[in-house]
PDB file of N, CA and C in Angstrom:
ATOM      1  N   MET A   1      94.334  76.870  97.871  1.00  0.00           N
ATOM      2  CA  MET A   1      95.443  77.714  98.278  1.00  0.00           C
ATOM      3  C   MET A   1      95.011  78.504  99.511  1.00  0.00           C
ATOM      4  N   LYS A   2      95.888  78.556 100.481  1.00  0.00           N
ATOM      5  CA  LYS A   2      95.578  79.283 101.701  1.00  0.00           C
ATOM      6  C   LYS A   2      95.612  80.782 101.447  1.00  0.00           C
ATOM      7  N   ALA A   3      94.792  81.504 102.182  1.00  0.00           N
ATOM      8  CA  ALA A   3      94.692  82.955 102.008  1.00  0.00           C
ATOM      9  C   ALA A   3      96.020  83.640 102.297  1.00  0.00           C
ATOM     10  N   GLU A   4      96.762  83.137 103.272  1.00  0.00           N
ATOM     11  CA  GLU A   4      98.042  83.753 103.633  1.00  0.00           C
ATOM     12  C   GLU A   4      99.064  83.622 102.497  1.00  0.00           C
ATOM     13  N   VAL A   5      99.112  82.475 101.872  1.00  0.00           N
ATOM     14  CA  VAL A   5     100.026  82.245 100.752  1.00  0.00           C
ATOM     15  C   VAL A   5      99.641  83.148  99.583  1.00  0.00           C
ATOM     16  N   LEU A   6      98.352  83.277  99.334  1.00  0.00           N
ATOM     17  CA  LEU A   6      97.874  84.127  98.251  1.00  0.00           C
ATOM     18  C   LEU A   6      98.223  85.587  98.506  1.00  0.00           C
ATOM     19  N   LYS A   7      98.100  86.035  99.738  1.00  0.00           N
ATOM     20  CA  LYS A   7      98.444  87.416 100.086  1.00  0.00           C
ATOM     21  C   LYS A   7      99.925  87.687  99.836  1.00  0.00           C
ATOM     22  N   LYS A   8     100.791  86.716 100.151  1.00  0.00           N
ATOM     23  CA  LYS A   8     102.226  86.883  99.908  1.00  0.00           C
ATOM     24  C   LYS A   8     102.509  86.999  98.412  1.00  0.00           C
ATOM     25  N   ARG A   9     101.824  86.208  97.605  1.00  0.00           N
ATOM     26  CA  ARG A   9     102.041  86.239  96.159  1.00  0.00           C
ATOM     27  C   ARG A   9     101.570  87.544  95.535  1.00  0.00           C
ATOM     28  N   LEU A  10     100.551  88.140  96.104  1.00  0.00           N
ATOM     29  CA  LEU A  10      99.988  89.368  95.543  1.00  0.00           C
ATOM     30  C   LEU A  10     100.567  90.631  96.157  1.00  0.00           C
ATOM     31  N   ASP A  11     101.551  90.491  97.035  1.00  0.00           N
ATOM     32  CA  ASP A  11     102.174  91.646  97.683  1.00  0.00           C
ATOM     33  C   ASP A  11     102.881  92.501  96.636  1.00  0.00           C
ATOM     34  N   LYS A  12     102.579  93.804  96.617  1.00  0.00           N
ATOM     35  CA  LYS A  12     103.149  94.700  95.607  1.00  0.00           C
ATOM     36  C   LYS A  12     104.651  94.902  95.772  1.00  0.00           C
ATOM     37  N   SER A  13     105.170  94.777  96.976  1.00  0.00           N
ATOM     38  CA  SER A  13     106.602  94.997  97.198  1.00  0.00           C
ATOM     39  C   SER A  13     107.432  93.730  96.973  1.00  0.00           C
ATOM     40  N   ARG A  14     106.811  92.678  96.503  1.00  0.00           N
ATOM     41  CA  ARG A  14     107.508  91.417  96.253  1.00  0.00           C
ATOM     42  C   ARG A  14     108.454  91.576  95.061  1.00  0.00           C
ATOM     43  N   PRO A  15     109.737  91.244  95.228  1.00  0.00           N
ATOM     44  CA  PRO A  15     110.679  91.373  94.113  1.00  0.00           C
ATOM     45  C   PRO A  15     110.333  90.398  92.979  1.00  0.00           C
ATOM     46  N   THR A  16     110.432  90.886  91.761  1.00  0.00           N
ATOM     47  CA  THR A  16     110.093  90.090  90.593  1.00  0.00           C
ATOM     48  C   THR A  16     111.182  90.258  89.539  1.00  0.00           C
ATOM     49  N   THR A  17     111.552  89.174  88.904  1.00  0.00           N
ATOM     50  CA  THR A  17     112.536  89.211  87.833  1.00  0.00           C
ATOM     51  C   THR A  17     111.807  89.279  86.498  1.00  0.00           C
ATOM     52  N   VAL A  18     112.253  90.201  85.649  1.00  0.00           N
ATOM     53  CA  VAL A  18     111.658  90.368  84.326  1.00  0.00           C
ATOM     54  C   VAL A  18     112.777  90.297  83.299  1.00  0.00           C
ATOM     55  N   THR A  19     112.551  89.568  82.226  1.00  0.00           N
ATOM     56  CA  THR A  19     113.525  89.464  81.147  1.00  0.00           C
ATOM     57  C   THR A  19     112.908  90.030  79.878  1.00  0.00           C
ATOM     58  N   ILE A  20     113.623  90.959  79.251  1.00  0.00           N
ATOM     59  CA  ILE A  20     113.160  91.504  77.976  1.00  0.00           C
ATOM     60  C   ILE A  20     114.297  91.417  76.969  1.00  0.00           C
ATOM     61  N   GLN A  21     113.937  91.272  75.717  1.00  0.00           N
ATOM     62  CA  GLN A  21     114.940  91.230  74.659  1.00  0.00           C
ATOM     63  C   GLN A  21     114.930  92.566  73.936  1.00  0.00           C
ATOM     64  N   ILE A  22     116.110  93.178  73.839  1.00  0.00           N
ATOM     65  CA  ILE A  22     116.257  94.470  73.177  1.00  0.00           C
ATOM     66  C   ILE A  22     117.309  94.307  72.084  1.00  0.00           C
ATOM     67  N   LEU A  23     117.020  94.851  70.920  1.00  0.00           N
ATOM     68  CA  LEU A  23     117.949  94.745  69.797  1.00  0.00           C
ATOM     69  C   LEU A  23     119.276  95.424  70.119  1.00  0.00           C
ATOM     70  N   GLU A  24     120.357  94.917  69.523  1.00  0.00           N
ATOM     71  CA  GLU A  24     121.701  95.425  69.805  1.00  0.00           C
ATOM     72  C   GLU A  24     121.857  96.901  69.465  1.00  0.00           C
ATOM     73  N   ASP A  25     121.267  97.341  68.353  1.00  0.00           N
ATOM     74  CA  ASP A  25     121.393  98.752  67.990  1.00  0.00           C
ATOM     75  C   ASP A  25     120.647  99.650  68.977  1.00  0.00           C
ATOM     76  N   VAL A  26     119.565  99.144  69.537  1.00  0.00           N
ATOM     77  CA  VAL A  26     118.828  99.900  70.555  1.00  0.00           C
ATOM     78  C   VAL A  26     119.656  99.995  71.834  1.00  0.00           C
ATOM     79  N   ILE A  27     120.351  98.912  72.184  1.00  0.00           N
ATOM     80  CA  ILE A  27     121.224  98.911  73.362  1.00  0.00           C
ATOM     81  C   ILE A  27     122.316  99.962  73.203  1.00  0.00           C
ATOM     82  N   GLU A  28     122.912 100.042  72.024  1.00  0.00           N
ATOM     83  CA  GLU A  28     123.960 101.040  71.775  1.00  0.00           C
ATOM     84  C   GLU A  28     123.410 102.455  71.931  1.00  0.00           C
ATOM     85  N   ASP A  29     122.208 102.696  71.431  1.00  0.00           N
ATOM     86  CA  ASP A  29     121.578 104.013  71.595  1.00  0.00           C
ATOM     87  C   ASP A  29     121.291 104.298  73.062  1.00  0.00           C
ATOM     88  N   LEU A  30     120.812 103.291  73.783  1.00  0.00           N
ATOM     89  CA  LEU A  30     120.534 103.465  75.214  1.00  0.00           C
ATOM     90  C   LEU A  30     121.806 103.780  75.990  1.00  0.00           C
ATOM     91  N   LYS A  31     122.919 103.170  75.605  1.00  0.00           N
ATOM     92  CA  LYS A  31     124.196 103.446  76.268  1.00  0.00           C
ATOM     93  C   LYS A  31     124.592 104.904  76.083  1.00  0.00           C
ATOM     94  N   ARG A  32     124.413 105.421  74.865  1.00  0.00           N
ATOM     95  CA  ARG A  32     124.751 106.827  74.601  1.00  0.00           C
ATOM     96  C   ARG A  32     123.827 107.775  75.358  1.00  0.00           C
ATOM     97  N   VAL A  33     122.553 107.489  75.348  1.00  0.00           N
ATOM     98  CA  VAL A  33     121.579 108.354  76.015  1.00  0.00           C
ATOM     99  C   VAL A  33     121.768 108.318  77.527  1.00  0.00           C
ATOM    100  N   SER A  34     122.053 107.145  78.074  1.00  0.00           N
ATOM    101  CA  SER A  34     122.211 107.030  79.530  1.00  0.00           C
ATOM    102  C   SER A  34     123.381 107.867  80.031  1.00  0.00           C
ATOM    103  N   ALA A  35     124.457 107.928  79.248  1.00  0.00           N
ATOM    104  CA  ALA A  35     125.605 108.751  79.638  1.00  0.00           C
ATOM    105  C   ALA A  35     125.229 110.231  79.650  1.00  0.00           C
ATOM    106  N   LEU A  36     124.435 110.655  78.684  1.00  0.00           N
ATOM    107  CA  LEU A  36     124.006 112.056  78.610  1.00  0.00           C
ATOM    108  C   LEU A  36     123.066 112.431  79.757  1.00  0.00           C
ATOM    109  N   LEU A  37     122.274 111.468  80.208  1.00  0.00           N
ATOM    110  CA  LEU A  37     121.304 111.728  81.275  1.00  0.00           C
ATOM    111  C   LEU A  37     121.876 111.504  82.673  1.00  0.00           C
ATOM    112  N   GLY A  38     123.135 111.063  82.747  1.00  0.00           N
ATOM    113  CA  GLY A  38     123.784 110.898  84.040  1.00  0.00           C
ATOM    114  C   GLY A  38     123.598 109.542  84.696  1.00  0.00           C
ATOM    115  N   PHE A  39     123.140 108.560  83.945  1.00  0.00           N
ATOM    116  CA  PHE A  39     123.012 107.207  84.480  1.00  0.00           C
ATOM    117  C   PHE A  39     124.349 106.488  84.328  1.00  0.00           C
ATOM    118  N   SER A  40     124.587 105.500  85.179  1.00  0.00           N
ATOM    119  CA  SER A  40     125.857 104.777  85.135  1.00  0.00           C
ATOM    120  C   SER A  40     125.927 103.772  83.984  1.00  0.00           C
ATOM    121  N   GLY A  41     124.821 103.495  83.344  1.00  0.00           N
ATOM    122  CA  GLY A  41     124.777 102.572  82.219  1.00  0.00           C
ATOM    123  C   GLY A  41     123.362 102.480  81.686  1.00  0.00           C
ATOM    124  N   TYR A  42     123.176 101.636  80.676  1.00  0.00           N
ATOM    125  CA  TYR A  42     121.849 101.543  80.077  1.00  0.00           C
ATOM    126  C   TYR A  42     120.865 100.784  80.960  1.00  0.00           C
ATOM    127  N   GLN A  43     121.357  99.838  81.767  1.00  0.00           N
ATOM    128  CA  GLN A  43     120.447  99.062  82.609  1.00  0.00           C
ATOM    129  C   GLN A  43     119.746  99.921  83.663  1.00  0.00           C
ATOM    130  N   PRO A  44     120.455 100.804  84.385  1.00  0.00           N
ATOM    131  CA  PRO A  44     119.743 101.685  85.313  1.00  0.00           C
ATOM    132  C   PRO A  44     118.738 102.599  84.601  1.00  0.00           C
ATOM    133  N   LEU A  45     119.065 103.013  83.389  1.00  0.00           N
ATOM    134  CA  LEU A  45     118.143 103.836  82.611  1.00  0.00           C
ATOM    135  C   LEU A  45     116.864 103.059  82.305  1.00  0.00           C
ATOM    136  N   VAL A  46     117.011 101.827  81.854  1.00  0.00           N
ATOM    137  CA  VAL A  46     115.850 100.991  81.543  1.00  0.00           C
ATOM    138  C   VAL A  46     115.048 100.718  82.813  1.00  0.00           C
ATOM    139  N   ARG A  47     115.725 100.408  83.920  1.00  0.00           N
ATOM    140  CA  ARG A  47     115.024 100.159  85.191  1.00  0.00           C
ATOM    141  C   ARG A  47     114.223 101.373  85.632  1.00  0.00           C
ATOM    142  N   ASN A  48     114.768 102.556  85.378  1.00  0.00           N
ATOM    143  CA  ASN A  48     114.089 103.789  85.765  1.00  0.00           C
ATOM    144  C   ASN A  48     112.761 103.945  85.021  1.00  0.00           C
ATOM    145  N   TYR A  49     112.739 103.546  83.769  1.00  0.00           N
ATOM    146  CA  TYR A  49     111.535 103.705  82.964  1.00  0.00           C
ATOM    147  C   TYR A  49     110.569 102.539  83.083  1.00  0.00           C
ATOM    148  N   ILE A  50     111.047 101.389  83.514  1.00  0.00           N
ATOM    149  CA  ILE A  50     110.156 100.227  83.677  1.00  0.00           C
ATOM    150  C   ILE A  50     109.725 100.157  85.081  1.00  0.00           C
TER     151      ILE A  50
END
C-alpha cells in the first residue's frame, strides 16, 4: 500500500458511517430527553454524545 493512500485512510477528518442498534424503548426515552434538552430529535442527541 502506498504511503499516500494510507495517510488518506488514517485522516482524522475523514467521514465515517457508523451503525448501532438501539432498543425501541431506549429510542422512545431518547426522544423525550432530546426534546427537554433542546435537540431537534433523538439522532442529533446521539450524534452529540458519540
